[in-house]
Amino acid sequence: MDIPVRRKPGTPSKGKREPITTRVPEEQRSVYTQRAHELGIPVSSWVAKVLAEHEGLEIPDYVLKELEKAERERAFQAAEEYDYPQSA
């Protein structure tokens, strides 16, 4: 009898990835973090997105999912901020 393997709760897997360690000029770092913040995704996902776009590659699925989630959250927040008229 096979016993199902339980995954630990937490962040879903983003699949197999490889680290790339890089350093950027201090004065540029804030630009990169701001761009990621504007999209609502982590800086590492933003870097993966930009590199894929630059090289004409597909944007990784996990980045697309993060972008979709961030867009839904922005739409939800915008709907909450809308001042609905009160009925009489």
Protein backbone atom coordinates (compact mmCIF):
# COMPACT_ATOMS: atom_id res chain seq x y z
CA MET A 1 0.00 0.00 0.00
CA ASP A 2 1.44 3.32 -1.06
CA ILE A 3 1.32 6.08 1.50
CA PRO A 4 0.82 9.52 -0.08
CA VAL A 5 3.69 11.91 0.43
CA ARG A 6 2.57 15.12 2.08
CA ARG A 7 4.16 18.32 0.97
CA LYS A 8 5.05 20.91 3.54
CA PRO A 9 2.75 23.95 3.53
CA GLY A 10 4.17 27.17 2.20
CA THR A 11 5.20 28.70 -1.08
CA PRO A 12 4.34 26.53 -4.09
CA SER A 13 7.26 25.20 -6.11
CA LYS A 14 8.42 27.34 -9.00
CA GLY A 15 9.99 24.31 -10.67
CA LYS A 16 13.64 23.64 -11.32
CA ARG A 17 15.64 26.83 -11.38
CA GLU A 18 19.33 27.70 -11.29
CA PRO A 19 20.79 30.60 -9.34
CA ILE A 20 22.65 33.37 -11.12
CA THR A 21 24.59 35.61 -8.79
CA THR A 22 25.19 39.10 -10.09
CA ARG A 23 25.96 42.53 -8.79
CA VAL A 24 24.47 45.70 -10.17
CA PRO A 25 25.58 49.29 -9.78
CA GLU A 26 24.30 50.74 -6.53
CA GLU A 27 22.53 53.60 -8.30
CA GLN A 28 20.62 51.16 -10.57
CA ARG A 29 19.40 48.78 -7.88
CA SER A 30 16.54 51.02 -6.81
CA VAL A 31 15.31 51.21 -10.42
CA TYR A 32 15.13 47.40 -10.64
CA THR A 33 13.42 47.00 -7.30
CA GLN A 34 10.93 49.76 -8.19
CA ARG A 35 10.05 48.07 -11.50
CA ALA A 36 9.42 44.78 -9.71
CA HIS A 37 7.38 46.56 -7.04
CA GLU A 38 5.26 48.28 -9.71
CA LEU A 39 4.42 44.88 -11.18
CA GLY A 40 3.88 43.35 -7.74
CA ILE A 41 6.44 40.57 -8.17
CA PRO A 42 9.77 39.69 -6.53
CA VAL A 43 12.92 41.22 -8.01
CA SER A 44 14.20 37.76 -8.99
CA SER A 45 11.02 37.15 -11.01
CA TRP A 46 11.34 40.57 -12.62
CA VAL A 47 14.93 39.77 -13.63
CA ALA A 48 13.83 36.40 -15.10
CA LYS A 49 11.06 38.22 -17.04
CA VAL A 50 13.36 40.92 -18.41
CA LEU A 51 16.08 38.45 -19.39
CA ALA A 52 13.56 36.20 -21.17
CA GLU A 53 12.08 39.17 -23.04
CA HIS A 54 15.53 40.44 -23.99
CA GLU A 55 16.53 37.05 -25.40
CA GLY A 56 13.22 36.39 -27.14
CA LEU A 57 12.44 33.48 -24.82
CA GLU A 58 9.17 32.55 -23.17
CA ILE A 59 8.54 34.20 -19.83
CA PRO A 60 8.58 31.43 -17.21
CA ASP A 61 5.15 30.14 -16.15
CA TYR A 62 5.74 30.98 -12.50
CA VAL A 63 6.43 34.61 -13.43
CA LEU A 64 3.26 34.77 -15.52
CA LYS A 65 1.28 33.37 -12.58
CA GLU A 66 2.81 35.97 -10.24
CA LEU A 67 1.93 38.73 -12.71
CA GLU A 68 -1.65 37.46 -13.01
CA LYS A 69 -2.00 37.27 -9.23
CA ALA A 70 -0.65 40.80 -8.82
CA GLU A 71 -3.07 42.07 -11.48
CA ARG A 72 -6.04 40.43 -9.70
CA GLU A 73 -4.93 42.00 -6.42
CA ARG A 74 -4.65 45.45 -8.03
CA ALA A 75 -8.12 45.06 -9.58
CA PHE A 76 -9.56 43.98 -6.23
CA GLN A 77 -7.98 46.94 -4.45
CA ALA A 78 -9.23 49.33 -7.12
CA ALA A 79 -12.75 47.94 -6.74
CA GLU A 80 -12.59 48.39 -2.97
CA GLU A 81 -11.45 52.00 -3.37
CA TYR A 82 -14.32 52.82 -5.76
CA ASP A 83 -16.80 55.01 -3.98
CA TYR A 84 -20.09 53.24 -4.59
CA PRO A 85 -23.15 55.53 -4.44
CA GLN A 86 -25.44 54.94 -1.48
CA SER A 87 -28.99 53.92 -2.25
CA ALA A 88 -31.84 55.95 -0.82
